[in-house]
């Protein structure tokens, strides 16, 4: 008697991409200031987001940074975050930290970067950004940083 055909494995859930794919949707209908704000006030983010999304082999869906943690947990298997300039004294990532904690999914963070200065002592992070770093340390196997200066800031 032939062996039964094994059941197909359920398809993998996609990855939530907490960024854009390098575009600002409907940017032609926005005024310049609003379109610029949607880039994170840095148009270089568009290139970085597009490059990272292009490197991922798994299907992903852009969800932005203000995602619903319960929906993310139900729909996706991991969260990918392009994080080029997150370590900056004016940014407060307490909201994102809370959303990641509530989602409880593995996190892939790439390009985590600090604004280069003369000394790591110059980088003063807000408590919410420090909280985000603790959440990332718990939910990431590896954190890819932008360079030696950022690694030194994190060690500090």
C-alpha atoms as a PDB file:
ATOM      1  CA  UNK A   1       0.000   0.000   0.000  1.00  0.00           C
ATOM      2  CA  UNK A   2       1.440   3.455  -0.904  1.00  0.00           C
ATOM      3  CA  UNK A   3       2.342   5.870   1.847  1.00  0.00           C
ATOM      4  CA  UNK A   4      -0.125   8.717   2.392  1.00  0.00           C
ATOM      5  CA  UNK A   5       0.810  12.060   0.955  1.00  0.00           C
ATOM      6  CA  UNK A   6       1.790  14.368   3.800  1.00  0.00           C
ATOM      7  CA  UNK A   7      -0.341  17.432   4.320  1.00  0.00           C
ATOM      8  CA  UNK A   8       1.166  20.612   2.999  1.00  0.00           C
ATOM      9  CA  UNK A   9       2.634  22.894   5.619  1.00  0.00           C
ATOM     10  CA  UNK A  10       0.548  25.981   6.207  1.00  0.00           C
ATOM     11  CA  UNK A  11       1.965  29.005   4.406  1.00  0.00           C
ATOM     12  CA  UNK A  12       4.219  31.235   6.465  1.00  0.00           C
ATOM     13  CA  UNK A  13       2.729  34.454   7.667  1.00  0.00           C
ATOM     14  CA  UNK A  14       4.323  37.525   6.078  1.00  0.00           C
ATOM     15  CA  UNK A  15       6.679  39.952   7.815  1.00  0.00           C
ATOM     16  CA  UNK A  16       5.404  43.343   8.980  1.00  0.00           C
ATOM     17  CA  UNK A  17       7.650  46.110   7.628  1.00  0.00           C
ATOM     18  CA  UNK A  18       7.595  49.141   9.927  1.00  0.00           C
ATOM     19  CA  UNK A  19       8.600  51.584   7.250  1.00  0.00           C
ATOM     20  CA  UNK A  20       7.867  52.437   3.661  1.00  0.00           C
ATOM     21  CA  UNK A  21       9.151  50.634   0.612  1.00  0.00           C
ATOM     22  CA  UNK A  22      10.896  53.860  -0.371  1.00  0.00           C
ATOM     23  CA  UNK A  23       7.860  55.869  -1.382  1.00  0.00           C
ATOM     24  CA  UNK A  24       5.483  58.421   0.064  1.00  0.00           C
ATOM     25  CA  UNK A  25       2.034  57.341  -1.121  1.00  0.00           C
ATOM     26  CA  UNK A  26       0.103  60.068  -2.950  1.00  0.00           C
ATOM     27  CA  UNK A  27       3.033  62.462  -2.542  1.00  0.00           C
ATOM     28  CA  UNK A  28       1.906  64.359  -5.647  1.00  0.00           C
ATOM     29  CA  UNK A  29      -1.195  65.425  -3.733  1.00  0.00           C
ATOM     30  CA  UNK A  30       0.658  66.597  -0.599  1.00  0.00           C
ATOM     31  CA  UNK A  31       2.269  69.939   0.022  1.00  0.00           C
ATOM     32  CA  UNK A  32       6.055  69.881   0.287  1.00  0.00           C
ATOM     33  CA  UNK A  33       6.183  70.081   4.090  1.00  0.00           C
ATOM     34  CA  UNK A  34       3.710  67.213   4.552  1.00  0.00           C
ATOM     35  CA  UNK A  35       5.519  65.008   2.017  1.00  0.00           C
ATOM     36  CA  UNK A  36       8.865  65.785   3.683  1.00  0.00           C
ATOM     37  CA  UNK A  37       7.423  64.948   7.127  1.00  0.00           C
ATOM     38  CA  UNK A  38       6.301  61.551   5.796  1.00  0.00           C
ATOM     39  CA  UNK A  39       9.919  60.725   4.927  1.00  0.00           C
ATOM     40  CA  UNK A  40      10.856  61.123   8.590  1.00  0.00           C
ATOM     41  CA  UNK A  41      12.183  64.582   7.673  1.00  0.00           C
ATOM     42  CA  UNK A  42      15.053  62.901   5.827  1.00  0.00           C
ATOM     43  CA  UNK A  43      14.653  61.905   2.179  1.00  0.00           C
ATOM     44  CA  UNK A  44      17.614  59.535   2.572  1.00  0.00           C
ATOM     45  CA  UNK A  45      15.215  57.330   4.531  1.00  0.00           C
ATOM     46  CA  UNK A  46      13.408  56.551   1.269  1.00  0.00           C
ATOM     47  CA  UNK A  47      16.549  55.017  -0.249  1.00  0.00           C
ATOM     48  CA  UNK A  48      17.358  53.119   2.945  1.00  0.00           C
ATOM     49  CA  UNK A  49      13.814  51.744   3.305  1.00  0.00           C
ATOM     50  CA  UNK A  50      13.709  50.673  -0.358  1.00  0.00           C
ATOM     51  CA  UNK A  51      17.147  49.013  -0.136  1.00  0.00           C
ATOM     52  CA  UNK A  52      16.290  47.042   2.997  1.00  0.00           C
ATOM     53  CA  UNK A  53      12.915  45.930   1.630  1.00  0.00           C
ATOM     54  CA  UNK A  54      14.699  44.766  -1.529  1.00  0.00           C
ATOM     55  CA  UNK A  55      17.072  42.598   0.511  1.00  0.00           C
ATOM     56  CA  UNK A  56      14.320  40.643   2.257  1.00  0.00           C
ATOM     57  CA  UNK A  57      13.518  37.263   0.753  1.00  0.00           C
ATOM     58  CA  UNK A  58      10.251  36.832   2.674  1.00  0.00           C
ATOM     59  CA  UNK A  59       7.007  38.530   1.717  1.00  0.00           C
ATOM     60  CA  UNK A  60       6.465  41.697   3.741  1.00  0.00           C
ATOM     61  CA  UNK A  61       3.797  44.314   4.109  1.00  0.00           C
ATOM     62  CA  UNK A  62       4.457  47.954   5.054  1.00  0.00           C
ATOM     63  CA  UNK A  63       2.642  48.732   8.308  1.00  0.00           C
ATOM     64  CA  UNK A  64       4.271  51.980   9.460  1.00  0.00           C
ATOM     65  CA  UNK A  65       5.272  52.683  13.047  1.00  0.00           C
ATOM     66  CA  UNK A  66       1.796  53.222  14.519  1.00  0.00           C
ATOM     67  CA  UNK A  67       0.595  49.658  13.961  1.00  0.00           C
ATOM     68  CA  UNK A  68      -2.023  47.883  16.070  1.00  0.00           C
ATOM     69  CA  UNK A  69      -0.014  45.348  18.144  1.00  0.00           C
ATOM     70  CA  UNK A  70      -2.882  42.829  18.379  1.00  0.00           C
ATOM     71  CA  UNK A  71      -3.448  42.885  14.610  1.00  0.00           C
ATOM     72  CA  UNK A  72       0.282  42.581  13.961  1.00  0.00           C
ATOM     73  CA  UNK A  73       0.568  39.592  16.316  1.00  0.00           C
ATOM     74  CA  UNK A  74      -2.370  37.882  14.591  1.00  0.00           C
ATOM     75  CA  UNK A  75      -1.359  38.607  10.990  1.00  0.00           C
ATOM     76  CA  UNK A  76       2.447  38.547  10.885  1.00  0.00           C
ATOM     77  CA  UNK A  77       5.279  36.364  12.141  1.00  0.00           C
ATOM     78  CA  UNK A  78       7.928  39.050  12.683  1.00  0.00           C
ATOM     79  CA  UNK A  79       8.482  42.797  12.442  1.00  0.00           C
ATOM     80  CA  UNK A  80      11.280  44.333  10.361  1.00  0.00           C
ATOM     81  CA  UNK A  81      12.389  47.878  11.194  1.00  0.00           C
ATOM     82  CA  UNK A  82      14.709  50.071   9.107  1.00  0.00           C
ATOM     83  CA  UNK A  83      16.328  52.260  11.760  1.00  0.00           C
ATOM     84  CA  UNK A  84      18.936  54.507  10.174  1.00  0.00           C
ATOM     85  CA  UNK A  85      18.961  57.459  12.589  1.00  0.00           C
ATOM     86  CA  UNK A  86      17.037  56.256  15.633  1.00  0.00           C
ATOM     87  CA  UNK A  87      19.732  57.155  18.181  1.00  0.00           C
ATOM     88  CA  UNK A  88      19.226  60.902  18.219  1.00  0.00           C
ATOM     89  CA  UNK A  89      18.652  63.164  21.202  1.00  0.00           C
ATOM     90  CA  UNK A  90      15.404  64.653  19.877  1.00  0.00           C
ATOM     91  CA  UNK A  91      13.681  61.331  19.145  1.00  0.00           C
ATOM     92  CA  UNK A  92      11.500  59.575  21.696  1.00  0.00           C
ATOM     93  CA  UNK A  93      10.540  56.043  20.715  1.00  0.00           C
ATOM     94  CA  UNK A  94       8.459  55.151  23.760  1.00  0.00           C
ATOM     95  CA  UNK A  95       5.370  54.622  21.567  1.00  0.00           C
ATOM     96  CA  UNK A  96       7.182  52.173  19.277  1.00  0.00           C
ATOM     97  CA  UNK A  97       8.704  50.382  22.271  1.00  0.00           C
ATOM     98  CA  UNK A  98       5.236  49.848  23.737  1.00  0.00           C
ATOM     99  CA  UNK A  99       3.816  48.598  20.443  1.00  0.00           C
ATOM    100  CA  UNK A 100       6.689  46.116  20.005  1.00  0.00           C
ATOM    101  CA  UNK A 101       6.274  44.848  23.565  1.00  0.00           C
ATOM    102  CA  UNK A 102       2.534  44.331  23.063  1.00  0.00           C
ATOM    103  CA  UNK A 103       3.017  42.632  19.684  1.00  0.00           C
ATOM    104  CA  UNK A 104       5.498  40.207  21.256  1.00  0.00           C
ATOM    105  CA  UNK A 105       6.925  39.109  17.897  1.00  0.00           C
ATOM    106  CA  UNK A 106      10.550  38.638  16.883  1.00  0.00           C
ATOM    107  CA  UNK A 107      12.038  41.873  15.594  1.00  0.00           C
ATOM    108  CA  UNK A 108      14.571  42.343  12.803  1.00  0.00           C
ATOM    109  CA  UNK A 109      16.193  45.766  13.055  1.00  0.00           C
ATOM    110  CA  UNK A 110      18.730  46.902  10.496  1.00  0.00           C
ATOM    111  CA  UNK A 111      20.982  49.886  10.207  1.00  0.00           C
ATOM    112  CA  UNK A 112      20.417  51.186  13.725  1.00  0.00           C
ATOM    113  CA  UNK A 113      22.402  54.390  13.715  1.00  0.00           C
ATOM    114  CA  UNK A 114      23.508  57.262  15.913  1.00  0.00           C
ATOM    115  CA  UNK A 115      24.154  60.716  14.559  1.00  0.00           C
ATOM    116  CA  UNK A 116      27.932  60.906  14.410  1.00  0.00           C
ATOM    117  CA  UNK A 117      29.531  63.212  16.905  1.00  0.00           C
ATOM    118  CA  UNK A 118      32.930  63.741  18.370  1.00  0.00           C
ATOM    119  CA  UNK A 119      32.245  61.563  21.407  1.00  0.00           C
ATOM    120  CA  UNK A 120      29.753  58.921  22.533  1.00  0.00           C
ATOM    121  CA  UNK A 121      29.181  61.087  25.620  1.00  0.00           C
ATOM    122  CA  UNK A 122      27.509  63.662  23.352  1.00  0.00           C
ATOM    123  CA  UNK A 123      24.692  61.244  22.464  1.00  0.00           C
ATOM    124  CA  UNK A 124      21.969  61.804  25.059  1.00  0.00           C
ATOM    125  CA  UNK A 125      18.943  59.589  24.456  1.00  0.00           C
ATOM    126  CA  UNK A 126      15.437  60.182  25.753  1.00  0.00           C
ATOM    127  CA  UNK A 127      14.083  57.579  28.191  1.00  0.00           C
ATOM    128  CA  UNK A 128      11.648  56.277  25.559  1.00  0.00           C
ATOM    129  CA  UNK A 129      14.501  55.601  23.136  1.00  0.00           C
ATOM    130  CA  UNK A 130      16.472  53.839  25.862  1.00  0.00           C
ATOM    131  CA  UNK A 131      13.352  51.752  26.549  1.00  0.00           C
ATOM    132  CA  UNK A 132      13.164  50.869  22.843  1.00  0.00           C
ATOM    133  CA  UNK A 133      16.770  49.644  22.995  1.00  0.00           C
ATOM    134  CA  UNK A 134      15.904  47.376  25.960  1.00  0.00           C
ATOM    135  CA  UNK A 135      12.898  45.969  24.059  1.00  0.00           C
ATOM    136  CA  UNK A 136      15.085  45.360  21.001  1.00  0.00           C
ATOM    137  CA  UNK A 137      17.691  43.607  23.144  1.00  0.00           C
ATOM    138  CA  UNK A 138      14.943  41.244  24.313  1.00  0.00           C
ATOM    139  CA  UNK A 139      13.231  40.663  20.944  1.00  0.00           C
ATOM    140  CA  UNK A 140      16.184  40.588  18.522  1.00  0.00           C
ATOM    141  CA  UNK A 141      18.765  37.863  18.137  1.00  0.00           C
ATOM    142  CA  UNK A 142      21.127  40.332  16.479  1.00  0.00           C
ATOM    143  CA  UNK A 143      21.052  44.102  16.039  1.00  0.00           C
ATOM    144  CA  UNK A 144      22.707  45.358  12.862  1.00  0.00           C
ATOM    145  CA  UNK A 145      24.183  48.806  13.457  1.00  0.00           C
ATOM    146  CA  UNK A 146      25.396  51.431  11.038  1.00  0.00           C
ATOM    147  CA  UNK A 147      29.015  51.476  12.146  1.00  0.00           C
ATOM    148  CA  UNK A 148      31.583  51.591  14.920  1.00  0.00           C
ATOM    149  CA  UNK A 149      30.325  54.871  16.367  1.00  0.00           C
ATOM    150  CA  UNK A 150      26.821  53.461  16.833  1.00  0.00           C
ATOM    151  CA  UNK A 151      28.221  50.275  18.389  1.00  0.00           C
ATOM    152  CA  UNK A 152      30.190  52.441  20.845  1.00  0.00           C
ATOM    153  CA  UNK A 153      27.074  54.472  21.701  1.00  0.00           C
ATOM    154  CA  UNK A 154      25.156  51.277  22.445  1.00  0.00           C
ATOM    155  CA  UNK A 155      28.001  49.916  24.587  1.00  0.00           C
ATOM    156  CA  UNK A 156      28.117  53.231  26.465  1.00  0.00           C
END
